[in-house]
Amino acid sequence: MPATDWGWLVTPEELEDWILQNDDHVVLVNKPALLVCHPSKQGPWSSLAGACREYLQSDRSHLVSRLDRETSGIVLFAKHRLKARHLQMALEQRKVAKTYIAILEGELEKETLVDAPLGPDTQSIVRAKNTVRHDGKRQDAQTLYTPLVSNGRYTLVKVDPITGRKHQIRAHALHIGHHIVGDKLYGPDEGLFLDFIEDGWTEKMAQVLPINRHALHAYRMVFDIETGPETYIAPLTQDLAAFCRENLGLSTEALEEILQRV
């Protein structure tokens, strides 16, 4: 993605590489980190939604699932209203099973279900930040973390969010004392989040964070719709696979074997 003063531009060749499925009904994209989903004022090729519409030469594609800028993985577009309605209804009725892959700081020793309501973190300098809270404005939230591999310093986990609250996986990970690797907002210093918005990736961040984005990947979605279950999978991105190889000692083959069992 060519750099600009404000971010990144997608090229048609890159988008082709990211597309995992393109049929009469849906386009499935393995979104890289650091790319926004929603259309941007910087032009169509500055967002995934805009780039897909340009690539497909259609303004009728519907963004069914979205991800935070730094989260990689499955983003699904419906090509027509009927398909979009079926998929959106499944989301609204909680008939969608989502599975994420994440890398946590420290060792998560056992499967952990976090059942803790989330709401605005009124103590944070970042207005968008959520936290576990039991009073005031809050929503019920449940997340299941299952450890796959750990070396004590890091843990590769499967994450099953039972609800779908803003920043849920990241906020719950911080709550149990194992924040997601590379998380600027829910990590060791939330000021890094504001610094990144202002200055981008800096040497200061490189000294604190072992990776330039939070290590969270939307791996699988299973929709229970009227015509039957539909499963979509986005392979782990190269940057996270490289982190697993360099820091967890997992070869490409070993990592693939682990993910096949997820």
Protein backbone atom coordinates (compact mmCIF):
# COMPACT_ATOMS: atom_id res chain seq x y z
CA MET A 1 0.00 0.00 0.00
CA PRO A 2 1.60 3.31 -1.05
CA ALA A 3 2.09 5.70 1.88
CA THR A 4 0.56 9.18 1.92
CA ASP A 5 0.67 12.00 4.45
CA TRP A 6 -2.52 10.70 6.09
CA GLY A 7 -2.36 6.91 5.68
CA TRP A 8 -2.40 4.34 2.92
CA LEU A 9 -3.84 3.75 -0.53
CA VAL A 10 -4.85 0.31 -1.71
CA THR A 11 -3.73 -0.82 -5.16
CA PRO A 12 -5.92 -3.05 -7.36
CA GLU A 13 -3.18 -5.70 -7.40
CA GLU A 14 -3.09 -5.83 -3.59
CA LEU A 15 -6.85 -6.10 -3.36
CA GLU A 16 -6.81 -9.05 -5.74
CA ASP A 17 -4.35 -10.80 -3.44
CA TRP A 18 -6.57 -10.20 -0.42
CA ILE A 19 -9.78 -11.52 -2.01
CA LEU A 20 -10.43 -15.08 -0.83
CA GLN A 21 -13.83 -15.58 -2.44
CA ASN A 22 -15.72 -13.71 -5.14
CA ASP A 23 -18.96 -15.25 -6.37
CA ASP A 24 -22.46 -14.10 -7.35
CA HIS A 25 -23.43 -13.36 -3.76
CA VAL A 26 -20.43 -12.34 -1.63
CA VAL A 27 -16.88 -11.04 -1.68
CA LEU A 28 -14.71 -12.31 1.16
CA VAL A 29 -11.57 -10.29 1.89
CA ASN A 30 -8.64 -11.01 4.21
CA LYS A 31 -8.13 -7.44 5.42
CA PRO A 32 -4.59 -6.45 6.38
CA ALA A 33 -3.97 -4.48 9.54
CA LEU A 34 -3.81 -0.67 9.47
CA LEU A 35 -6.47 -0.31 6.76
CA VAL A 36 -9.86 1.20 7.61
CA CYS A 37 -13.03 -0.57 6.49
CA HIS A 38 -15.45 2.31 6.03
CA PRO A 39 -15.24 4.82 3.17
CA SER A 40 -12.86 7.71 3.77
CA LYS A 41 -12.89 11.31 2.62
CA GLN A 42 -9.43 10.64 1.16
CA GLY A 43 -10.96 8.82 -1.81
CA PRO A 44 -12.25 5.34 -2.67
CA TRP A 45 -8.87 3.58 -2.59
CA SER A 46 -8.18 4.77 0.97
CA SER A 47 -10.59 2.27 2.55
CA LEU A 48 -11.46 -1.37 2.03
CA ALA A 49 -15.11 -0.65 1.27
CA GLY A 50 -14.22 2.03 -1.26
CA ALA A 51 -11.55 -0.11 -2.91
CA CYS A 52 -13.93 -3.07 -3.26
CA ARG A 53 -16.60 -0.93 -4.86
CA GLU A 54 -14.09 0.48 -7.33
CA TYR A 55 -12.67 -2.95 -8.07
CA LEU A 56 -16.12 -4.49 -8.59
CA GLN A 57 -17.32 -1.42 -10.50
CA SER A 58 -20.44 -1.45 -8.35
CA ASP A 59 -21.89 0.81 -5.68
CA ARG A 60 -24.26 -1.95 -4.57
CA SER A 61 -21.84 -3.94 -2.44
CA HIS A 62 -22.91 -4.03 1.21
CA LEU A 63 -20.35 -4.12 4.03
CA VAL A 64 -21.71 -6.92 6.25
CA SER A 65 -18.89 -7.26 8.76
CA ARG A 66 -16.30 -4.68 9.76
CA LEU A 67 -13.09 -4.67 11.77
CA ASP A 68 -11.10 -2.09 13.70
CA ARG A 69 -8.30 -0.52 11.70
CA GLU A 70 -5.52 -2.59 13.29
CA THR A 71 -7.43 -5.90 13.32
CA SER A 72 -6.81 -8.16 10.33
CA GLY A 73 -8.98 -10.92 8.93
CA ILE A 74 -12.45 -11.58 7.59
CA VAL A 75 -14.39 -8.73 6.08
CA LEU A 76 -17.48 -9.76 4.18
CA PHE A 77 -19.33 -7.85 1.47
CA ALA A 78 -22.72 -8.87 0.07
CA LYS A 79 -23.23 -8.17 -3.62
CA HIS A 80 -26.99 -7.66 -3.48
CA ARG A 81 -29.67 -6.63 -0.99
CA LEU A 82 -31.19 -10.07 -0.44
CA LYS A 83 -27.87 -11.61 0.55
CA ALA A 84 -27.07 -8.62 2.73
CA ARG A 85 -30.44 -8.94 4.46
CA HIS A 86 -29.92 -12.65 5.21
CA LEU A 87 -26.45 -12.07 6.63
CA GLN A 88 -27.43 -8.96 8.59
CA MET A 89 -30.42 -10.78 10.11
CA ALA A 90 -28.12 -13.56 11.26
CA LEU A 91 -25.86 -10.98 12.90
CA GLU A 92 -28.77 -9.20 14.61
CA GLN A 93 -30.23 -12.50 15.86
CA ARG A 94 -26.81 -13.67 17.10
CA LYS A 95 -26.78 -16.57 14.67
CA VAL A 96 -23.17 -15.94 13.74
CA ALA A 97 -20.27 -17.76 15.40
CA LYS A 98 -17.08 -15.69 15.24
CA THR A 99 -13.61 -17.01 15.99
CA TYR A 100 -10.53 -14.83 16.38
CA ILE A 101 -6.87 -15.66 16.79
CA ALA A 102 -4.87 -13.43 19.14
CA ILE A 103 -1.50 -13.29 20.84
CA LEU A 104 -1.59 -12.32 24.51
CA GLU A 105 1.13 -11.04 26.79
CA GLY A 106 2.14 -13.57 29.44
CA GLU A 107 0.91 -17.12 29.94
CA LEU A 108 -2.80 -17.88 29.91
CA GLU A 109 -2.78 -21.26 31.60
CA LYS A 110 -6.33 -22.47 30.99
CA GLU A 111 -9.52 -21.80 29.08
CA THR A 112 -11.03 -18.63 30.52
CA LEU A 113 -14.57 -17.31 30.17
CA VAL A 114 -14.79 -13.61 30.92
CA ASP A 115 -18.33 -12.54 31.85
CA ALA A 116 -17.98 -8.86 32.67
CA PRO A 117 -20.03 -5.86 31.47
CA LEU A 118 -18.31 -3.17 29.44
CA GLY A 119 -18.84 0.56 29.33
CA PRO A 120 -16.98 3.82 28.73
CA ASP A 121 -13.72 4.20 30.64
CA THR A 122 -14.30 7.57 32.25
CA GLN A 123 -10.78 7.59 33.70
CA SER A 124 -9.11 7.27 30.30
CA ILE A 125 -7.63 10.09 28.26
CA VAL A 126 -9.07 8.35 25.17
CA ARG A 127 -12.83 8.80 24.79
CA ALA A 128 -13.23 5.65 22.69
CA LYS A 129 -11.83 3.33 25.36
CA ASN A 130 -14.06 0.81 27.13
CA THR A 131 -13.51 -0.93 30.44
CA VAL A 132 -15.19 -3.44 32.72
CA ARG A 133 -17.68 -1.60 34.90
CA HIS A 134 -20.59 -2.56 37.12
CA ASP A 135 -22.35 0.79 37.35
CA GLY A 136 -23.46 3.52 35.01
CA LYS A 137 -23.67 2.99 31.27
CA ARG A 138 -22.69 -0.59 30.45
CA GLN A 139 -23.54 -3.64 28.36
CA ASP A 140 -23.28 -7.32 29.19
CA ALA A 141 -20.25 -8.92 27.52
CA GLN A 142 -18.84 -12.44 27.43
CA THR A 143 -15.62 -13.66 25.80
CA LEU A 144 -14.04 -17.12 25.81
CA TYR A 145 -10.24 -17.38 25.56
CA THR A 146 -8.67 -20.78 24.80
CA PRO A 147 -4.86 -21.10 24.96
CA LEU A 148 -3.26 -22.91 22.01
CA VAL A 149 0.50 -22.45 22.56
CA SER A 150 2.51 -20.58 25.19
CA ASN A 151 6.15 -20.07 26.07
CA GLY A 152 5.45 -18.13 29.24
CA ARG A 153 6.09 -14.76 27.65
CA TYR A 154 3.36 -14.95 25.00
CA THR A 155 0.25 -17.09 24.48
CA LEU A 156 -1.41 -17.82 21.15
CA VAL A 157 -5.15 -18.07 21.83
CA LYS A 158 -8.43 -18.83 20.14
CA VAL A 159 -11.03 -16.24 21.05
CA ASP A 160 -14.78 -16.76 20.83
CA PRO A 161 -16.72 -13.55 21.53
CA ILE A 162 -20.18 -14.54 22.69
CA THR A 163 -21.41 -10.96 22.50
CA GLY A 164 -20.22 -8.23 20.15
CA ARG A 165 -19.37 -5.10 22.12
CA LYS A 166 -16.93 -2.41 21.03
CA HIS A 167 -13.31 -3.43 21.71
CA GLN A 168 -14.67 -6.40 23.66
CA ILE A 169 -11.83 -8.86 23.05
CA ARG A 170 -9.17 -6.25 23.79
CA ALA A 171 -10.85 -4.85 26.91
CA HIS A 172 -11.53 -8.29 28.38
CA ALA A 173 -7.95 -9.38 27.67
CA LEU A 174 -6.69 -6.40 29.65
CA HIS A 175 -9.19 -7.20 32.42
CA ILE A 176 -7.70 -10.68 32.96
CA GLY A 177 -4.17 -9.30 33.00
CA HIS A 178 -3.09 -10.50 29.55
CA HIS A 179 -3.47 -7.62 27.11
CA ILE A 180 -3.12 -8.29 23.40
CA VAL A 181 0.43 -7.93 22.10
CA GLY A 182 0.99 -4.59 20.37
CA ASP A 183 -2.21 -2.98 21.66
CA LYS A 184 -1.65 0.78 21.88
CA LEU A 185 -4.94 1.52 23.65
CA TYR A 186 -5.43 -1.50 25.92
CA GLY A 187 -1.73 -2.19 26.43
CA PRO A 188 0.96 -0.82 28.75
CA ASP A 189 0.48 2.87 27.88
CA GLU A 190 -2.72 4.22 26.35
CA GLY A 191 -0.87 7.41 25.44
CA LEU A 192 0.73 5.43 22.62
CA PHE A 193 -2.67 5.36 20.92
CA LEU A 194 -2.79 9.16 20.72
CA ASP A 195 0.88 9.32 19.74
CA PHE A 196 0.22 6.92 16.86
CA ILE A 197 -2.68 9.01 15.59
CA GLU A 198 -0.50 12.11 15.70
CA ASP A 199 2.88 10.79 14.51
CA GLY A 200 2.40 7.24 13.22
CA TRP A 201 4.79 4.45 14.19
CA THR A 202 7.84 5.85 15.99
CA GLU A 203 11.07 4.61 17.54
CA LYS A 204 9.55 5.17 20.99
CA MET A 205 6.76 2.72 20.15
CA ALA A 206 9.20 0.20 18.72
CA GLN A 207 10.97 0.14 22.09
CA VAL A 208 7.72 -0.61 23.95
CA LEU A 209 5.68 -2.71 21.53
CA PRO A 210 7.01 -5.88 19.85
CA ILE A 211 4.75 -5.45 16.80
CA ASN A 212 3.36 -2.39 15.04
CA ARG A 213 -0.31 -3.30 15.49
CA HIS A 214 -2.41 -5.27 17.94
CA ALA A 215 -2.12 -9.01 17.35
CA LEU A 216 -5.78 -9.78 16.68
CA HIS A 217 -7.11 -11.58 13.61
CA ALA A 218 -10.70 -12.39 12.62
CA TYR A 219 -10.19 -15.99 11.57
CA ARG A 220 -13.61 -17.53 10.99
CA MET A 221 -17.30 -16.63 10.71
CA VAL A 222 -20.14 -19.15 10.54
CA PHE A 223 -23.54 -17.74 9.55
CA ASP A 224 -26.68 -19.74 10.39
CA ILE A 225 -28.99 -18.45 7.66
CA GLU A 226 -32.22 -19.65 6.03
CA THR A 227 -30.43 -21.53 3.25
CA GLY A 228 -28.11 -23.33 5.67
CA PRO A 229 -24.84 -22.61 7.50
CA GLU A 230 -22.13 -20.72 5.62
CA THR A 231 -18.51 -20.76 6.84
CA TYR A 232 -15.86 -18.20 5.91
CA ILE A 233 -12.16 -18.46 6.92
CA ALA A 234 -9.32 -15.95 6.52
CA PRO A 235 -5.80 -17.43 6.93
CA LEU A 236 -3.54 -15.78 9.48
CA THR A 237 -1.73 -12.79 7.99
CA GLN A 238 2.01 -12.90 7.29
CA ASP A 239 2.97 -10.47 10.06
CA LEU A 240 1.29 -12.54 12.78
CA ALA A 241 2.61 -15.80 11.33
CA ALA A 242 6.11 -14.28 11.40
CA PHE A 243 5.63 -13.18 15.02
CA CYS A 244 4.60 -16.73 15.97
CA ARG A 245 7.65 -18.12 14.19
CA GLU A 246 10.12 -15.68 15.76
CA ASN A 247 8.66 -15.49 19.27
CA LEU A 248 6.83 -18.79 19.81
CA GLY A 249 9.08 -21.00 17.70
CA LEU A 250 6.22 -22.14 15.47
CA SER A 251 7.10 -23.17 11.94
CA THR A 252 4.63 -22.50 9.15
CA GLU A 253 3.62 -26.16 9.18
CA ALA A 254 3.19 -26.28 12.97
CA LEU A 255 1.09 -23.13 12.97
CA GLU A 256 -1.14 -24.42 10.17
CA GLU A 257 -1.66 -27.68 12.05
CA ILE A 258 -2.70 -25.80 15.19
CA LEU A 259 -5.13 -23.58 13.29
CA GLN A 260 -6.69 -26.54 11.51
CA ARG A 261 -7.77 -27.85 14.91
CA VAL A 262 -9.37 -24.56 15.94
